[in-house]
Amino acid sequence: MAVTAGALIPEGTRVRIRRGKLPLDPAAIGRYGTVVDSSEYRPHCYGVALDGEREVRIFAADEVEVVDAPALPPDREAARQRRALP
């Protein structure tokens, strides 16, 4: 069984919480945090540590907006620039 979802947000990425399809705590909207739990087996949700909080909250994929992604290592960035095989 293949997982067919959007791009997975890597751990360490800075995100902003926005309103999604599901009900959400209104106090969390607009806050910033860091993705600390991201798995290809659960691409529909992310564990985010909001700034100023110790606990990790779970947010749906449509509730997080990437603000600052960590840089890829040089070898992965070079591989990303190469053409894909036909």
PDB file of N, CA and C in Angstrom:
ATOM      1  N   MET A   1       0.848  -1.168   0.000  1.00  0.00           N
ATOM      2  CA  MET A   1       0.000   0.000   0.000  1.00  0.00           C
ATOM      3  C   MET A   1       0.895   1.234   0.000  1.00  0.00           C
ATOM      4  N   ALA A   2       0.712   2.073  -0.974  1.00  0.00           N
ATOM      5  CA  ALA A   2       1.521   3.286  -1.090  1.00  0.00           C
ATOM      6  C   ALA A   2       0.804   4.458  -0.437  1.00  0.00           C
ATOM      7  N   VAL A   3       1.589   5.326   0.127  1.00  0.00           N
ATOM      8  CA  VAL A   3       1.048   6.545   0.714  1.00  0.00           C
ATOM      9  C   VAL A   3       1.065   7.607  -0.366  1.00  0.00           C
ATOM     10  N   THR A   4      -0.087   8.118  -0.727  1.00  0.00           N
ATOM     11  CA  THR A   4      -0.162   9.141  -1.769  1.00  0.00           C
ATOM     12  C   THR A   4      -0.728  10.402  -1.162  1.00  0.00           C
ATOM     13  N   ALA A   5       0.154  11.245  -0.722  1.00  0.00           N
ATOM     14  CA  ALA A   5      -0.266  12.508  -0.115  1.00  0.00           C
ATOM     15  C   ALA A   5       0.661  13.602  -0.599  1.00  0.00           C
ATOM     16  N   GLY A   6       0.407  14.803  -0.144  1.00  0.00           N
ATOM     17  CA  GLY A   6       1.256  15.924  -0.515  1.00  0.00           C
ATOM     18  C   GLY A   6       2.643  15.770   0.076  1.00  0.00           C
ATOM     19  N   ALA A   7       3.470  16.737  -0.185  1.00  0.00           N
ATOM     20  CA  ALA A   7       4.839  16.698   0.312  1.00  0.00           C
ATOM     21  C   ALA A   7       4.844  16.696   1.834  1.00  0.00           C
ATOM     22  N   LEU A   8       5.695  15.875   2.393  1.00  0.00           N
ATOM     23  CA  LEU A   8       5.818  15.763   3.836  1.00  0.00           C
ATOM     24  C   LEU A   8       6.657  16.920   4.358  1.00  0.00           C
ATOM     25  N   ILE A   9       6.196  17.587   5.381  1.00  0.00           N
ATOM     26  CA  ILE A   9       6.938  18.695   5.983  1.00  0.00           C
ATOM     27  C   ILE A   9       7.978  18.090   6.921  1.00  0.00           C
ATOM     28  N   PRO A  10       9.268  18.361   6.698  1.00  0.00           N
ATOM     29  CA  PRO A  10      10.298  17.750   7.545  1.00  0.00           C
ATOM     30  C   PRO A  10      10.316  18.328   8.958  1.00  0.00           C
ATOM     31  N   GLU A  11      10.821  17.529   9.891  1.00  0.00           N
ATOM     32  CA  GLU A  11      10.957  17.991  11.270  1.00  0.00           C
ATOM     33  C   GLU A  11      11.943  19.149  11.317  1.00  0.00           C
ATOM     34  N   GLY A  12      11.687  20.103  12.188  1.00  0.00           N
ATOM     35  CA  GLY A  12      12.539  21.276  12.309  1.00  0.00           C
ATOM     36  C   GLY A  12      12.053  22.462  11.493  1.00  0.00           C
ATOM     37  N   THR A  13      10.991  22.266  10.714  1.00  0.00           N
ATOM     38  CA  THR A  13      10.442  23.341   9.894  1.00  0.00           C
ATOM     39  C   THR A  13       9.611  24.283  10.753  1.00  0.00           C
ATOM     40  N   ARG A  14       9.785  25.576  10.561  1.00  0.00           N
ATOM     41  CA  ARG A  14       8.970  26.582  11.258  1.00  0.00           C
ATOM     42  C   ARG A  14       7.647  26.707  10.512  1.00  0.00           C
ATOM     43  N   VAL A  15       6.547  26.693  11.257  1.00  0.00           N
ATOM     44  CA  VAL A  15       5.216  26.775  10.660  1.00  0.00           C
ATOM     45  C   VAL A  15       4.359  27.793  11.401  1.00  0.00           C
ATOM     46  N   ARG A  16       3.318  28.252  10.714  1.00  0.00           N
ATOM     47  CA  ARG A  16       2.300  29.112  11.313  1.00  0.00           C
ATOM     48  C   ARG A  16       1.001  28.332  11.260  1.00  0.00           C
ATOM     49  N   ILE A  17       0.229  28.403  12.320  1.00  0.00           N
ATOM     50  CA  ILE A  17      -1.040  27.686  12.397  1.00  0.00           C
ATOM     51  C   ILE A  17      -2.124  28.542  11.753  1.00  0.00           C
ATOM     52  N   ARG A  18      -2.912  27.920  10.880  1.00  0.00           N
ATOM     53  CA  ARG A  18      -4.013  28.614  10.210  1.00  0.00           C
ATOM     54  C   ARG A  18      -5.287  27.787  10.349  1.00  0.00           C
ATOM     55  N   ARG A  19      -6.394  28.391  10.006  1.00  0.00           N
ATOM     56  CA  ARG A  19      -7.679  27.699  10.100  1.00  0.00           C
ATOM     57  C   ARG A  19      -7.769  26.657   8.985  1.00  0.00           C
ATOM     58  N   GLY A  20      -8.168  25.446   9.346  1.00  0.00           N
ATOM     59  CA  GLY A  20      -8.322  24.364   8.384  1.00  0.00           C
ATOM     60  C   GLY A  20      -9.776  23.938   8.294  1.00  0.00           C
ATOM     61  N   LYS A  21      -9.991  22.722   7.797  1.00  0.00           N
ATOM     62  CA  LYS A  21     -11.354  22.204   7.648  1.00  0.00           C
ATOM     63  C   LYS A  21     -11.960  21.769   8.984  1.00  0.00           C
ATOM     64  N   LEU A  22     -11.116  21.280   9.878  1.00  0.00           N
ATOM     65  CA  LEU A  22     -11.612  20.783  11.162  1.00  0.00           C
ATOM     66  C   LEU A  22     -11.683  21.904  12.189  1.00  0.00           C
ATOM     67  N   PRO A  23     -12.530  21.758  13.208  1.00  0.00           N
ATOM     68  CA  PRO A  23     -12.571  22.756  14.280  1.00  0.00           C
ATOM     69  C   PRO A  23     -11.208  22.835  14.968  1.00  0.00           C
ATOM     70  N   LEU A  24     -10.826  24.029  15.353  1.00  0.00           N
ATOM     71  CA  LEU A  24      -9.513  24.259  15.929  1.00  0.00           C
ATOM     72  C   LEU A  24      -9.641  25.238  17.081  1.00  0.00           C
ATOM     73  N   ASP A  25      -8.757  25.113  18.040  1.00  0.00           N
ATOM     74  CA  ASP A  25      -8.709  26.065  19.146  1.00  0.00           C
ATOM     75  C   ASP A  25      -8.424  27.452  18.568  1.00  0.00           C
ATOM     76  N   PRO A  26      -9.341  28.411  18.721  1.00  0.00           N
ATOM     77  CA  PRO A  26      -9.138  29.734  18.125  1.00  0.00           C
ATOM     78  C   PRO A  26      -7.885  30.436  18.632  1.00  0.00           C
ATOM     79  N   ALA A  27      -7.425  30.101  19.825  1.00  0.00           N
ATOM     80  CA  ALA A  27      -6.226  30.735  20.366  1.00  0.00           C
ATOM     81  C   ALA A  27      -4.960  30.283  19.636  1.00  0.00           C
ATOM     82  N   ALA A  28      -5.012  29.154  18.937  1.00  0.00           N
ATOM     83  CA  ALA A  28      -3.828  28.641  18.234  1.00  0.00           C
ATOM     84  C   ALA A  28      -3.650  29.274  16.858  1.00  0.00           C
ATOM     85  N   ILE A  29      -4.710  29.810  16.286  1.00  0.00           N
ATOM     86  CA  ILE A  29      -4.633  30.378  14.938  1.00  0.00           C
ATOM     87  C   ILE A  29      -3.694  31.580  14.933  1.00  0.00           C
ATOM     88  N   GLY A  30      -2.761  31.579  13.986  1.00  0.00           N
ATOM     89  CA  GLY A  30      -1.811  32.671  13.853  1.00  0.00           C
ATOM     90  C   GLY A  30      -0.539  32.497  14.665  1.00  0.00           C
ATOM     91  N   ARG A  31      -0.473  31.471  15.507  1.00  0.00           N
ATOM     92  CA  ARG A  31       0.729  31.245  16.320  1.00  0.00           C
ATOM     93  C   ARG A  31       1.779  30.493  15.509  1.00  0.00           C
ATOM     94  N   TYR A  32       3.022  30.631  15.930  1.00  0.00           N
ATOM     95  CA  TYR A  32       4.139  29.985  15.256  1.00  0.00           C
ATOM     96  C   TYR A  32       4.670  28.847  16.099  1.00  0.00           C
ATOM     97  N   GLY A  33       5.286  27.868  15.433  1.00  0.00           N
ATOM     98  CA  GLY A  33       5.869  26.743  16.132  1.00  0.00           C
ATOM     99  C   GLY A  33       6.823  25.987  15.231  1.00  0.00           C
ATOM    100  N   THR A  34       7.309  24.857  15.740  1.00  0.00           N
ATOM    101  CA  THR A  34       8.264  24.025  15.024  1.00  0.00           C
ATOM    102  C   THR A  34       7.711  22.612  14.918  1.00  0.00           C
ATOM    103  N   VAL A  35       7.810  22.013  13.732  1.00  0.00           N
ATOM    104  CA  VAL A  35       7.369  20.634  13.531  1.00  0.00           C
ATOM    105  C   VAL A  35       8.364  19.720  14.238  1.00  0.00           C
ATOM    106  N   VAL A  36       7.864  18.902  15.162  1.00  0.00           N
ATOM    107  CA  VAL A  36       8.721  17.987  15.912  1.00  0.00           C
ATOM    108  C   VAL A  36       8.368  16.528  15.652  1.00  0.00           C
ATOM    109  N   ASP A  37       7.234  16.268  15.014  1.00  0.00           N
ATOM    110  CA  ASP A  37       6.829  14.897  14.698  1.00  0.00           C
ATOM    111  C   ASP A  37       6.223  14.875  13.308  1.00  0.00           C
ATOM    112  N   SER A  38       6.896  14.171  12.404  1.00  0.00           N
ATOM    113  CA  SER A  38       6.451  14.089  11.023  1.00  0.00           C
ATOM    114  C   SER A  38       6.758  12.682  10.527  1.00  0.00           C
ATOM    115  N   SER A  39       5.754  11.981  10.023  1.00  0.00           N
ATOM    116  CA  SER A  39       5.948  10.602   9.587  1.00  0.00           C
ATOM    117  C   SER A  39       5.228  10.361   8.269  1.00  0.00           C
ATOM    118  N   GLU A  40       5.879   9.617   7.382  1.00  0.00           N
ATOM    119  CA  GLU A  40       5.234   9.297   6.109  1.00  0.00           C
ATOM    120  C   GLU A  40       4.073   8.317   6.304  1.00  0.00           C
ATOM    121  N   TYR A  41       3.989   7.698   7.457  1.00  0.00           N
ATOM    122  CA  TYR A  41       2.875   6.804   7.754  1.00  0.00           C
ATOM    123  C   TYR A  41       1.649   7.569   8.238  1.00  0.00           C
ATOM    124  N   ARG A  42       1.843   8.814   8.659  1.00  0.00           N
ATOM    125  CA  ARG A  42       0.740   9.685   9.067  1.00  0.00           C
ATOM    126  C   ARG A  42       0.892  11.039   8.370  1.00  0.00           C
ATOM    127  N   PRO A  43       0.758  11.087   7.047  1.00  0.00           N
ATOM    128  CA  PRO A  43       0.986  12.349   6.333  1.00  0.00           C
ATOM    129  C   PRO A  43      -0.131  13.366   6.525  1.00  0.00           C
ATOM    130  N   HIS A  44      -1.209  12.951   7.165  1.00  0.00           N
ATOM    131  CA  HIS A  44      -2.357  13.843   7.346  1.00  0.00           C
ATOM    132  C   HIS A  44      -2.255  14.702   8.606  1.00  0.00           C
ATOM    133  N   CYS A  45      -1.225  14.473   9.441  1.00  0.00           N
ATOM    134  CA  CYS A  45      -1.098  15.281  10.659  1.00  0.00           C
ATOM    135  C   CYS A  45       0.367  15.453  11.052  1.00  0.00           C
ATOM    136  N   TYR A  46       0.615  16.522  11.813  1.00  0.00           N
ATOM    137  CA  TYR A  46       1.963  16.868  12.254  1.00  0.00           C
ATOM    138  C   TYR A  46       1.945  17.214  13.735  1.00  0.00           C
ATOM    139  N   GLY A  47       3.000  16.837  14.429  1.00  0.00           N
ATOM    140  CA  GLY A  47       3.178  17.252  15.812  1.00  0.00           C
ATOM    141  C   GLY A  47       3.955  18.557  15.827  1.00  0.00           C
ATOM    142  N   VAL A  48       3.372  19.592  16.422  1.00  0.00           N
ATOM    143  CA  VAL A  48       3.985  20.919  16.428  1.00  0.00           C
ATOM    144  C   VAL A  48       4.144  21.400  17.864  1.00  0.00           C
ATOM    145  N   ALA A  49       5.349  21.878  18.182  1.00  0.00           N
ATOM    146  CA  ALA A  49       5.601  22.523  19.469  1.00  0.00           C
ATOM    147  C   ALA A  49       5.463  24.021  19.240  1.00  0.00           C
ATOM    148  N   LEU A  50       4.381  24.594  19.759  1.00  0.00           N
ATOM    149  CA  LEU A  50       4.161  26.028  19.592  1.00  0.00           C
ATOM    150  C   LEU A  50       5.146  26.810  20.449  1.00  0.00           C
ATOM    151  N   ASP A  51       5.514  27.993  19.984  1.00  0.00           N
ATOM    152  CA  ASP A  51       6.446  28.841  20.727  1.00  0.00           C
ATOM    153  C   ASP A  51       5.876  29.151  22.110  1.00  0.00           C
ATOM    154  N   GLY A  52       6.693  28.961  23.139  1.00  0.00           N
ATOM    155  CA  GLY A  52       6.279  29.258  24.502  1.00  0.00           C
ATOM    156  C   GLY A  52       5.558  28.120  25.197  1.00  0.00           C
ATOM    157  N   GLU A  53       5.390  26.978  24.535  1.00  0.00           N
ATOM    158  CA  GLU A  53       4.720  25.822  25.140  1.00  0.00           C
ATOM    159  C   GLU A  53       5.651  24.626  25.134  1.00  0.00           C
ATOM    160  N   ARG A  54       5.491  23.753  26.125  1.00  0.00           N
ATOM    161  CA  ARG A  54       6.314  22.553  26.199  1.00  0.00           C
ATOM    162  C   ARG A  54       5.631  21.358  25.540  1.00  0.00           C
ATOM    163  N   GLU A  55       4.312  21.322  25.579  1.00  0.00           N
ATOM    164  CA  GLU A  55       3.605  20.164  25.038  1.00  0.00           C
ATOM    165  C   GLU A  55       3.522  20.238  23.514  1.00  0.00           C
ATOM    166  N   VAL A  56       3.456  19.062  22.906  1.00  0.00           N
ATOM    167  CA  VAL A  56       3.341  18.953  21.454  1.00  0.00           C
ATOM    168  C   VAL A  56       1.870  18.818  21.102  1.00  0.00           C
ATOM    169  N   ARG A  57       1.411  19.629  20.175  1.00  0.00           N
ATOM    170  CA  ARG A  57       0.026  19.559  19.712  1.00  0.00           C
ATOM    171  C   ARG A  57      -0.003  18.948  18.319  1.00  0.00           C
ATOM    172  N   ILE A  58      -1.084  18.240  18.016  1.00  0.00           N
ATOM    173  CA  ILE A  58      -1.252  17.614  16.710  1.00  0.00           C
ATOM    174  C   ILE A  58      -2.156  18.499  15.858  1.00  0.00           C
ATOM    175  N   PHE A  59      -1.697  18.802  14.640  1.00  0.00           N
ATOM    176  CA  PHE A  59      -2.469  19.615  13.707  1.00  0.00           C
ATOM    177  C   PHE A  59      -2.605  18.874  12.388  1.00  0.00           C
ATOM    178  N   ALA A  60      -3.737  19.073  11.723  1.00  0.00           N
ATOM    179  CA  ALA A  60      -3.959  18.492  10.403  1.00  0.00           C
ATOM    180  C   ALA A  60      -3.055  19.183   9.388  1.00  0.00           C
ATOM    181  N   ALA A  61      -2.824  18.518   8.260  1.00  0.00           N
ATOM    182  CA  ALA A  61      -1.922  19.057   7.236  1.00  0.00           C
ATOM    183  C   ALA A  61      -2.399  20.398   6.691  1.00  0.00           C
ATOM    184  N   ASP A  62      -3.719  20.610   6.623  1.00  0.00           N
ATOM    185  CA  ASP A  62      -4.211  21.887   6.080  1.00  0.00           C
ATOM    186  C   ASP A  62      -4.219  23.008   7.120  1.00  0.00           C
ATOM    187  N   GLU A  63      -3.814  22.698   8.359  1.00  0.00           N
ATOM    188  CA  GLU A  63      -3.775  23.712   9.416  1.00  0.00           C
ATOM    189  C   GLU A  63      -2.387  24.307   9.620  1.00  0.00           C
ATOM    190  N   VAL A  64      -1.383  23.772   8.934  1.00  0.00           N
ATOM    191  CA  VAL A  64      -0.022  24.294   9.078  1.00  0.00           C
ATOM    192  C   VAL A  64       0.438  24.925   7.774  1.00  0.00           C
ATOM    193  N   GLU A  65       1.097  26.055   7.898  1.00  0.00           N
ATOM    194  CA  GLU A  65       1.633  26.789   6.749  1.00  0.00           C
ATOM    195  C   GLU A  65       3.132  26.961   6.976  1.00  0.00           C
ATOM    196  N   VAL A  66       3.941  26.508   6.024  1.00  0.00           N
ATOM    197  CA  VAL A  66       5.395  26.579   6.164  1.00  0.00           C
ATOM    198  C   VAL A  66       5.852  28.030   6.119  1.00  0.00           C
ATOM    199  N   VAL A  67       6.641  28.415   7.116  1.00  0.00           N
ATOM    200  CA  VAL A  67       7.195  29.765   7.187  1.00  0.00           C
ATOM    201  C   VAL A  67       8.670  29.733   6.804  1.00  0.00           C
ATOM    202  N   ASP A  68       9.409  28.778   7.368  1.00  0.00           N
ATOM    203  CA  ASP A  68      10.842  28.681   7.110  1.00  0.00           C
ATOM    204  C   ASP A  68      11.238  27.213   7.154  1.00  0.00           C
ATOM    205  N   ALA A  69      11.643  26.676   6.004  1.00  0.00           N
ATOM    206  CA  ALA A  69      12.058  25.276   5.929  1.00  0.00           C
ATOM    207  C   ALA A  69      13.561  25.179   6.155  1.00  0.00           C
ATOM    208  N   PRO A  70      14.015  24.131   6.857  1.00  0.00           N
ATOM    209  CA  PRO A  70      15.457  23.973   7.050  1.00  0.00           C
ATOM    210  C   PRO A  70      16.138  23.674   5.715  1.00  0.00           C
ATOM    211  N   ALA A  71      17.364  24.113   5.571  1.00  0.00           N
ATOM    212  CA  ALA A  71      18.114  23.879   4.335  1.00  0.00           C
ATOM    213  C   ALA A  71      18.454  22.399   4.206  1.00  0.00           C
ATOM    214  N   LEU A  72      18.416  21.908   2.978  1.00  0.00           N
ATOM    215  CA  LEU A  72      18.789  20.524   2.727  1.00  0.00           C
ATOM    216  C   LEU A  72      20.307  20.384   2.788  1.00  0.00           C
ATOM    217  N   PRO A  73      20.809  19.203   3.177  1.00  0.00           N
ATOM    218  CA  PRO A  73      22.251  18.982   3.121  1.00  0.00           C
ATOM    219  C   PRO A  73      22.730  19.124   1.674  1.00  0.00           C
ATOM    220  N   PRO A  74      24.001  19.484   1.452  1.00  0.00           N
ATOM    221  CA  PRO A  74      24.493  19.721   0.094  1.00  0.00           C
ATOM    222  C   PRO A  74      24.269  18.558  -0.866  1.00  0.00           C
ATOM    223  N   ASP A  75      24.441  17.318  -0.408  1.00  0.00           N
ATOM    224  CA  ASP A  75      24.259  16.181  -1.310  1.00  0.00           C
ATOM    225  C   ASP A  75      22.795  16.018  -1.719  1.00  0.00           C
ATOM    226  N   ARG A  76      21.865  16.269  -0.833  1.00  0.00           N
ATOM    227  CA  ARG A  76      20.444  16.171  -1.183  1.00  0.00           C
ATOM    228  C   ARG A  76      20.025  17.314  -2.087  1.00  0.00           C
ATOM    229  N   GLU A  77      20.582  18.499  -1.868  1.00  0.00           N
ATOM    230  CA  GLU A  77      20.262  19.638  -2.726  1.00  0.00           C
ATOM    231  C   GLU A  77      20.786  19.384  -4.137  1.00  0.00           C
ATOM    232  N   ALA A  78      21.994  18.812  -4.259  1.00  0.00           N
ATOM    233  CA  ALA A  78      22.553  18.496  -5.576  1.00  0.00           C
ATOM    234  C   ALA A  78      21.703  17.436  -6.271  1.00  0.00           C
ATOM    235  N   ALA A  79      21.250  16.436  -5.529  1.00  0.00           N
ATOM    236  CA  ALA A  79      20.408  15.395  -6.116  1.00  0.00           C
ATOM    237  C   ALA A  79      19.075  15.971  -6.575  1.00  0.00           C
ATOM    238  N   ARG A  80      18.592  16.935  -5.868  1.00  0.00           N
ATOM    239  CA  ARG A  80      17.316  17.555  -6.235  1.00  0.00           C
ATOM    240  C   ARG A  80      17.432  18.334  -7.550  1.00  0.00           C
ATOM    241  N   GLN A  81      18.618  18.866  -7.843  1.00  0.00           N
ATOM    242  CA  GLN A  81      18.831  19.650  -9.054  1.00  0.00           C
ATOM    243  C   GLN A  81      19.021  18.777 -10.296  1.00  0.00           C
ATOM    244  N   ARG A  82      19.395  17.502 -10.116  1.00  0.00           N
ATOM    245  CA  ARG A  82      19.614  16.612 -11.266  1.00  0.00           C
ATOM    246  C   ARG A  82      18.294  16.226 -11.904  1.00  0.00           C
ATOM    247  N   ARG A  83      18.357  15.949 -13.197  1.00  0.00           N
ATOM    248  CA  ARG A  83      17.171  15.496 -13.928  1.00  0.00           C
ATOM    249  C   ARG A  83      16.779  14.096 -13.484  1.00  0.00           C
ATOM    250  N   ALA A  84      15.516  13.835 -13.483  1.00  0.00           N
ATOM    251  CA  ALA A  84      15.027  12.496 -13.168  1.00  0.00           C
ATOM    252  C   ALA A  84      15.221  11.597 -14.385  1.00  0.00           C
ATOM    253  N   LEU A  85      15.408  10.327 -14.136  1.00  0.00           N
ATOM    254  CA  LEU A  85      15.549   9.378 -15.237  1.00  0.00           C
ATOM    255  C   LEU A  85      14.207   9.179 -15.925  1.00  0.00           C
ATOM    256  N   PRO A  86      14.231   8.944 -17.245  1.00  0.00           N
ATOM    257  CA  PRO A  86      12.951   8.740 -17.963  1.00  0.00           C
ATOM    258  C   PRO A  86      12.300   7.429 -17.609  1.00  0.00           C
TER     259      PRO A  86
END
